[in-house]
Amino acid sequence: MEITRTSSLTGKSNTRCLDITPKQYAAYLSGALAQQAFPHLSADDREFIMTGITPEEWAEFVEAAEKVCSNGATME
């Protein structure tokens, strides 16, 4: 099933094709925890459903954060 979410990290709209059913997605939207609605998905795929953040965006964010922190600055 194709899922489109807006990344809470970048504001970018992302679409991924995930191995989920409409019934599972409806359960999640009705309040089921992602881990319960999609136990077969990877943590990255569940994160995408919850936040819209892709693994690539996380990697870029972590890389940028490490650069900032290695310079003695904070992310706040």
PDB file of N, CA and C in Angstrom:
ATOM      1  N   MET A   1       0.851  -1.163   0.000  1.00  0.00           N
ATOM      2  CA  MET A   1       0.000   0.000   0.000  1.00  0.00           C
ATOM      3  C   MET A   1       0.901   1.232   0.000  1.00  0.00           C
ATOM      4  N   GLU A   2       0.570   2.209  -0.853  1.00  0.00           N
ATOM      5  CA  GLU A   2       1.341   3.449  -0.876  1.00  0.00           C
ATOM      6  C   GLU A   2       0.878   4.370   0.240  1.00  0.00           C
ATOM      7  N   ILE A   3       1.841   4.865   0.986  1.00  0.00           N
ATOM      8  CA  ILE A   3       1.567   5.780   2.093  1.00  0.00           C
ATOM      9  C   ILE A   3       2.339   7.061   1.830  1.00  0.00           C
ATOM     10  N   THR A   4       1.652   8.190   1.904  1.00  0.00           N
ATOM     11  CA  THR A   4       2.284   9.494   1.759  1.00  0.00           C
ATOM     12  C   THR A   4       2.164  10.228   3.081  1.00  0.00           C
ATOM     13  N   ARG A   5       3.284  10.695   3.576  1.00  0.00           N
ATOM     14  CA  ARG A   5       3.330  11.415   4.851  1.00  0.00           C
ATOM     15  C   ARG A   5       4.228  12.634   4.680  1.00  0.00           C
ATOM     16  N   THR A   6       3.992  13.639   5.490  1.00  0.00           N
ATOM     17  CA  THR A   6       4.843  14.820   5.505  1.00  0.00           C
ATOM     18  C   THR A   6       5.849  14.656   6.635  1.00  0.00           C
ATOM     19  N   SER A   7       7.112  14.784   6.305  1.00  0.00           N
ATOM     20  CA  SER A   7       8.176  14.618   7.281  1.00  0.00           C
ATOM     21  C   SER A   7       8.098  15.697   8.352  1.00  0.00           C
ATOM     22  N   SER A   8       8.071  15.277   9.606  1.00  0.00           N
ATOM     23  CA  SER A   8       8.077  16.236  10.707  1.00  0.00           C
ATOM     24  C   SER A   8       9.465  16.844  10.893  1.00  0.00           C
ATOM     25  N   LEU A   9      10.445  16.299  10.218  1.00  0.00           N
ATOM     26  CA  LEU A   9      11.811  16.806  10.302  1.00  0.00           C
ATOM     27  C   LEU A   9      12.091  17.864   9.244  1.00  0.00           C
ATOM     28  N   THR A  10      11.623  17.617   8.011  1.00  0.00           N
ATOM     29  CA  THR A  10      11.954  18.506   6.897  1.00  0.00           C
ATOM     30  C   THR A  10      10.744  19.225   6.292  1.00  0.00           C
ATOM     31  N   GLY A  11       9.544  18.737   6.567  1.00  0.00           N
ATOM     32  CA  GLY A  11       8.348  19.308   5.957  1.00  0.00           C
ATOM     33  C   GLY A  11       8.097  18.795   4.548  1.00  0.00           C
ATOM     34  N   LYS A  12       8.963  17.918   4.064  1.00  0.00           N
ATOM     35  CA  LYS A  12       8.852  17.356   2.720  1.00  0.00           C
ATOM     36  C   LYS A  12       7.817  16.227   2.693  1.00  0.00           C
ATOM     37  N   SER A  13       7.066  16.151   1.602  1.00  0.00           N
ATOM     38  CA  SER A  13       6.103  15.070   1.410  1.00  0.00           C
ATOM     39  C   SER A  13       6.827  13.863   0.838  1.00  0.00           C
ATOM     40  N   ASN A  14       6.686  12.722   1.490  1.00  0.00           N
ATOM     41  CA  ASN A  14       7.356  11.488   1.077  1.00  0.00           C
ATOM     42  C   ASN A  14       6.324  10.390   0.877  1.00  0.00           C
ATOM     43  N   THR A  15       6.538   9.555  -0.133  1.00  0.00           N
ATOM     44  CA  THR A  15       5.663   8.415  -0.393  1.00  0.00           C
ATOM     45  C   THR A  15       6.499   7.153  -0.409  1.00  0.00           C
ATOM     46  N   ARG A  16       5.997   6.128   0.277  1.00  0.00           N
ATOM     47  CA  ARG A  16       6.667   4.822   0.281  1.00  0.00           C
ATOM     48  C   ARG A  16       5.613   3.744   0.064  1.00  0.00           C
ATOM     49  N   CYS A  17       6.014   2.681  -0.563  1.00  0.00           N
ATOM     50  CA  CYS A  17       5.154   1.518  -0.744  1.00  0.00           C
ATOM     51  C   CYS A  17       5.489   0.531   0.373  1.00  0.00           C
ATOM     52  N   LEU A  18       4.516   0.305   1.253  1.00  0.00           N
ATOM     53  CA  LEU A  18       4.749  -0.540   2.423  1.00  0.00           C
ATOM     54  C   LEU A  18       3.839  -1.765   2.390  1.00  0.00           C
ATOM     55  N   ASP A  19       4.313  -2.834   2.975  1.00  0.00           N
ATOM     56  CA  ASP A  19       3.572  -4.094   3.020  1.00  0.00           C
ATOM     57  C   ASP A  19       2.556  -4.048   4.168  1.00  0.00           C
ATOM     58  N   ILE A  20       1.508  -3.248   3.963  1.00  0.00           N
ATOM     59  CA  ILE A  20       0.446  -3.154   4.956  1.00  0.00           C
ATOM     60  C   ILE A  20      -0.900  -3.199   4.237  1.00  0.00           C
ATOM     61  N   THR A  21      -1.936  -3.532   4.992  1.00  0.00           N
ATOM     62  CA  THR A  21      -3.281  -3.574   4.428  1.00  0.00           C
ATOM     63  C   THR A  21      -4.047  -2.326   4.845  1.00  0.00           C
ATOM     64  N   PRO A  22      -5.090  -1.990   4.099  1.00  0.00           N
ATOM     65  CA  PRO A  22      -5.938  -0.870   4.520  1.00  0.00           C
ATOM     66  C   PRO A  22      -6.502  -1.078   5.930  1.00  0.00           C
ATOM     67  N   LYS A  23      -6.813  -2.325   6.278  1.00  0.00           N
ATOM     68  CA  LYS A  23      -7.347  -2.628   7.617  1.00  0.00           C
ATOM     69  C   LYS A  23      -6.304  -2.313   8.695  1.00  0.00           C
ATOM     70  N   GLN A  24      -5.047  -2.662   8.462  1.00  0.00           N
ATOM     71  CA  GLN A  24      -3.987  -2.358   9.429  1.00  0.00           C
ATOM     72  C   GLN A  24      -3.803  -0.846   9.575  1.00  0.00           C
ATOM     73  N   TYR A  25      -3.817  -0.148   8.444  1.00  0.00           N
ATOM     74  CA  TYR A  25      -3.634   1.307   8.476  1.00  0.00           C
ATOM     75  C   TYR A  25      -4.794   1.973   9.199  1.00  0.00           C
ATOM     76  N   ALA A  26      -6.003   1.485   8.963  1.00  0.00           N
ATOM     77  CA  ALA A  26      -7.176   2.023   9.650  1.00  0.00           C
ATOM     78  C   ALA A  26      -7.074   1.797  11.157  1.00  0.00           C
ATOM     79  N   ALA A  27      -6.576   0.635  11.552  1.00  0.00           N
ATOM     80  CA  ALA A  27      -6.397   0.351  12.982  1.00  0.00           C
ATOM     81  C   ALA A  27      -5.413   1.344  13.593  1.00  0.00           C
ATOM     82  N   TYR A  28      -4.329   1.618  12.892  1.00  0.00           N
ATOM     83  CA  TYR A  28      -3.346   2.588  13.375  1.00  0.00           C
ATOM     84  C   TYR A  28      -3.981   3.975  13.489  1.00  0.00           C
ATOM     85  N   LEU A  29      -4.694   4.383  12.463  1.00  0.00           N
ATOM     86  CA  LEU A  29      -5.323   5.704  12.474  1.00  0.00           C
ATOM     87  C   LEU A  29      -6.387   5.823  13.567  1.00  0.00           C
ATOM     88  N   SER A  30      -6.922   4.685  13.989  1.00  0.00           N
ATOM     89  CA  SER A  30      -7.933   4.668  15.050  1.00  0.00           C
ATOM     90  C   SER A  30      -7.322   4.593  16.444  1.00  0.00           C
ATOM     91  N   GLY A  31      -5.990   4.563  16.514  1.00  0.00           N
ATOM     92  CA  GLY A  31      -5.344   4.606  17.816  1.00  0.00           C
ATOM     93  C   GLY A  31      -4.458   3.441  18.190  1.00  0.00           C
ATOM     94  N   ALA A  32      -4.401   2.408  17.363  1.00  0.00           N
ATOM     95  CA  ALA A  32      -3.507   1.287  17.669  1.00  0.00           C
ATOM     96  C   ALA A  32      -2.057   1.756  17.586  1.00  0.00           C
ATOM     97  N   LEU A  33      -1.215   1.231  18.459  1.00  0.00           N
ATOM     98  CA  LEU A  33       0.215   1.530  18.393  1.00  0.00           C
ATOM     99  C   LEU A  33       0.790   0.964  17.102  1.00  0.00           C
ATOM    100  N   ALA A  34       1.752   1.662  16.533  1.00  0.00           N
ATOM    101  CA  ALA A  34       2.363   1.212  15.284  1.00  0.00           C
ATOM    102  C   ALA A  34       2.945  -0.194  15.429  1.00  0.00           C
ATOM    103  N   GLN A  35       3.543  -0.488  16.588  1.00  0.00           N
ATOM    104  CA  GLN A  35       4.133  -1.804  16.813  1.00  0.00           C
ATOM    105  C   GLN A  35       3.071  -2.894  16.811  1.00  0.00           C
ATOM    106  N   GLN A  36       1.857  -2.555  17.239  1.00  0.00           N
ATOM    107  CA  GLN A  36       0.768  -3.536  17.254  1.00  0.00           C
ATOM    108  C   GLN A  36       0.105  -3.644  15.879  1.00  0.00           C
ATOM    109  N   ALA A  37      -0.091  -2.515  15.210  1.00  0.00           N
ATOM    110  CA  ALA A  37      -0.752  -2.525  13.904  1.00  0.00           C
ATOM    111  C   ALA A  37       0.134  -3.109  12.813  1.00  0.00           C
ATOM    112  N   PHE A  38       1.451  -2.900  12.940  1.00  0.00           N
ATOM    113  CA  PHE A  38       2.391  -3.320  11.895  1.00  0.00           C
ATOM    114  C   PHE A  38       3.576  -4.092  12.489  1.00  0.00           C
ATOM    115  N   PRO A  39       3.329  -5.209  13.164  1.00  0.00           N
ATOM    116  CA  PRO A  39       4.436  -5.917  13.836  1.00  0.00           C
ATOM    117  C   PRO A  39       5.492  -6.454  12.874  1.00  0.00           C
ATOM    118  N   HIS A  40       5.122  -6.626  11.612  1.00  0.00           N
ATOM    119  CA  HIS A  40       6.029  -7.202  10.610  1.00  0.00           C
ATOM    120  C   HIS A  40       6.922  -6.156   9.952  1.00  0.00           C
ATOM    121  N   LEU A  41       6.629  -4.868  10.162  1.00  0.00           N
ATOM    122  CA  LEU A  41       7.432  -3.810   9.530  1.00  0.00           C
ATOM    123  C   LEU A  41       8.693  -3.523  10.332  1.00  0.00           C
ATOM    124  N   SER A  42       9.681  -3.007   9.641  1.00  0.00           N
ATOM    125  CA  SER A  42      10.916  -2.589  10.308  1.00  0.00           C
ATOM    126  C   SER A  42      10.654  -1.331  11.124  1.00  0.00           C
ATOM    127  N   ALA A  43      11.552  -1.031  12.039  1.00  0.00           N
ATOM    128  CA  ALA A  43      11.437   0.193  12.826  1.00  0.00           C
ATOM    129  C   ALA A  43      11.450   1.420  11.910  1.00  0.00           C
ATOM    130  N   ASP A  44      12.247   1.386  10.847  1.00  0.00           N
ATOM    131  CA  ASP A  44      12.291   2.498   9.887  1.00  0.00           C
ATOM    132  C   ASP A  44      10.938   2.714   9.212  1.00  0.00           C
ATOM    133  N   ASP A  45      10.285   1.617   8.818  1.00  0.00           N
ATOM    134  CA  ASP A  45       8.983   1.742   8.162  1.00  0.00           C
ATOM    135  C   ASP A  45       7.918   2.247   9.134  1.00  0.00           C
ATOM    136  N   ARG A  46       7.962   1.769  10.369  1.00  0.00           N
ATOM    137  CA  ARG A  46       6.998   2.267  11.368  1.00  0.00           C
ATOM    138  C   ARG A  46       7.257   3.734  11.670  1.00  0.00           C
ATOM    139  N   GLU A  47       8.507   4.135  11.742  1.00  0.00           N
ATOM    140  CA  GLU A  47       8.851   5.544  11.965  1.00  0.00           C
ATOM    141  C   GLU A  47       8.303   6.407  10.839  1.00  0.00           C
ATOM    142  N   PHE A  48       8.418   5.928   9.617  1.00  0.00           N
ATOM    143  CA  PHE A  48       7.893   6.668   8.480  1.00  0.00           C
ATOM    144  C   PHE A  48       6.385   6.871   8.624  1.00  0.00           C
ATOM    145  N   ILE A  49       5.675   5.822   8.987  1.00  0.00           N
ATOM    146  CA  ILE A  49       4.229   5.937   9.147  1.00  0.00           C
ATOM    147  C   ILE A  49       3.888   6.946  10.241  1.00  0.00           C
ATOM    148  N   MET A  50       4.635   6.926  11.332  1.00  0.00           N
ATOM    149  CA  MET A  50       4.326   7.808  12.462  1.00  0.00           C
ATOM    150  C   MET A  50       4.723   9.255  12.211  1.00  0.00           C
ATOM    151  N   THR A  51       5.862   9.482  11.555  1.00  0.00           N
ATOM    152  CA  THR A  51       6.424  10.839  11.473  1.00  0.00           C
ATOM    153  C   THR A  51       6.659  11.342  10.059  1.00  0.00           C
ATOM    154  N   GLY A  52       6.619  10.436   9.075  1.00  0.00           N
ATOM    155  CA  GLY A  52       6.928  10.834   7.707  1.00  0.00           C
ATOM    156  C   GLY A  52       8.411  10.949   7.432  1.00  0.00           C
ATOM    157  N   ILE A  53       9.235  10.651   8.429  1.00  0.00           N
ATOM    158  CA  ILE A  53      10.684  10.758   8.280  1.00  0.00           C
ATOM    159  C   ILE A  53      11.232   9.484   7.634  1.00  0.00           C
ATOM    160  N   THR A  54      12.009   9.659   6.563  1.00  0.00           N
ATOM    161  CA  THR A  54      12.616   8.522   5.875  1.00  0.00           C
ATOM    162  C   THR A  54      13.968   8.189   6.513  1.00  0.00           C
ATOM    163  N   PRO A  55      14.465   6.980   6.283  1.00  0.00           N
ATOM    164  CA  PRO A  55      15.790   6.629   6.803  1.00  0.00           C
ATOM    165  C   PRO A  55      16.879   7.576   6.280  1.00  0.00           C
ATOM    166  N   GLU A  56      16.729   8.034   5.042  1.00  0.00           N
ATOM    167  CA  GLU A  56      17.716   8.955   4.465  1.00  0.00           C
ATOM    168  C   GLU A  56      17.713  10.295   5.206  1.00  0.00           C
ATOM    169  N   GLU A  57      16.516  10.782   5.545  1.00  0.00           N
ATOM    170  CA  GLU A  57      16.428  12.048   6.292  1.00  0.00           C
ATOM    171  C   GLU A  57      17.052  11.909   7.674  1.00  0.00           C
ATOM    172  N   TRP A  58      16.791  10.773   8.341  1.00  0.00           N
ATOM    173  CA  TRP A  58      17.399  10.548   9.652  1.00  0.00           C
ATOM    174  C   TRP A  58      18.921  10.547   9.540  1.00  0.00           C
ATOM    175  N   ALA A  59      19.441   9.870   8.525  1.00  0.00           N
ATOM    176  CA  ALA A  59      20.896   9.793   8.348  1.00  0.00           C
ATOM    177  C   ALA A  59      21.490  11.184   8.137  1.00  0.00           C
ATOM    178  N   GLU A  60      20.833  12.005   7.312  1.00  0.00           N
ATOM    179  CA  GLU A  60      21.314  13.371   7.084  1.00  0.00           C
ATOM    180  C   GLU A  60      21.254  14.197   8.362  1.00  0.00           C
ATOM    181  N   PHE A  61      20.175  14.042   9.129  1.00  0.00           N
ATOM    182  CA  PHE A  61      20.018  14.777  10.378  1.00  0.00           C
ATOM    183  C   PHE A  61      21.101  14.384  11.387  1.00  0.00           C
ATOM    184  N   VAL A  62      21.340  13.089  11.526  1.00  0.00           N
ATOM    185  CA  VAL A  62      22.353  12.616  12.470  1.00  0.00           C
ATOM    186  C   VAL A  62      23.734  13.100  12.054  1.00  0.00           C
ATOM    187  N   GLU A  63      24.021  13.040  10.774  1.00  0.00           N
ATOM    188  CA  GLU A  63      25.317  13.520  10.276  1.00  0.00           C
ATOM    189  C   GLU A  63      25.503  15.008  10.598  1.00  0.00           C
ATOM    190  N   ALA A  64      24.478  15.806  10.347  1.00  0.00           N
ATOM    191  CA  ALA A  64      24.554  17.244  10.639  1.00  0.00           C
ATOM    192  C   ALA A  64      24.696  17.486  12.140  1.00  0.00           C
ATOM    193  N   ALA A  65      23.969  16.714  12.931  1.00  0.00           N
ATOM    194  CA  ALA A  65      24.040  16.866  14.388  1.00  0.00           C
ATOM    195  C   ALA A  65      25.426  16.514  14.905  1.00  0.00           C
ATOM    196  N   GLU A  66      26.018  15.477  14.352  1.00  0.00           N
ATOM    197  CA  GLU A  66      27.364  15.084  14.778  1.00  0.00           C
ATOM    198  C   GLU A  66      28.383  16.162  14.430  1.00  0.00           C
ATOM    199  N   LYS A  67      28.232  16.812  13.267  1.00  0.00           N
ATOM    200  CA  LYS A  67      29.134  17.889  12.889  1.00  0.00           C
ATOM    201  C   LYS A  67      29.011  19.061  13.843  1.00  0.00           C
ATOM    202  N   VAL A  68      27.772  19.417  14.162  1.00  0.00           N
ATOM    203  CA  VAL A  68      27.539  20.531  15.079  1.00  0.00           C
ATOM    204  C   VAL A  68      28.122  20.214  16.447  1.00  0.00           C
ATOM    205  N   CYS A  69      27.838  19.026  16.944  1.00  0.00           N
ATOM    206  CA  CYS A  69      28.299  18.656  18.279  1.00  0.00           C
ATOM    207  C   CYS A  69      29.826  18.497  18.336  1.00  0.00           C
ATOM    208  N   SER A  70      30.432  18.064  17.257  1.00  0.00           N
ATOM    209  CA  SER A  70      31.894  17.912  17.252  1.00  0.00           C
ATOM    210  C   SER A  70      32.603  19.258  17.263  1.00  0.00           C
ATOM    211  N   ASN A  71      31.883  20.319  16.892  1.00  0.00           N
ATOM    212  CA  ASN A  71      32.433  21.656  16.934  1.00  0.00           C
ATOM    213  C   ASN A  71      32.203  22.330  18.291  1.00  0.00           C
ATOM    214  N   GLY A  72      31.661  21.588  19.239  1.00  0.00           N
ATOM    215  CA  GLY A  72      31.439  22.128  20.570  1.00  0.00           C
ATOM    216  C   GLY A  72      30.129  22.868  20.726  1.00  0.00           C
ATOM    217  N   ALA A  73      29.311  22.910  19.691  1.00  0.00           N
ATOM    218  CA  ALA A  73      28.015  23.572  19.764  1.00  0.00           C
ATOM    219  C   ALA A  73      26.956  22.580  20.206  1.00  0.00           C
ATOM    220  N   THR A  74      25.782  23.091  20.496  1.00  0.00           N
ATOM    221  CA  THR A  74      24.669  22.215  20.847  1.00  0.00           C
ATOM    222  C   THR A  74      23.600  22.342  19.777  1.00  0.00           C
ATOM    223  N   MET A  75      22.683  21.369  19.773  1.00  0.00           N
ATOM    224  CA  MET A  75      21.604  21.354  18.785  1.00  0.00           C
ATOM    225  C   MET A  75      20.415  22.215  19.222  1.00  0.00           C
ATOM    226  N   GLU A  76      20.422  22.757  20.429  1.00  0.00           N
ATOM    227  CA  GLU A  76      19.272  23.497  20.942  1.00  0.00           C
ATOM    228  C   GLU A  76      19.122  24.845  20.310  1.00  0.00           C
TER     229      GLU A  76
END
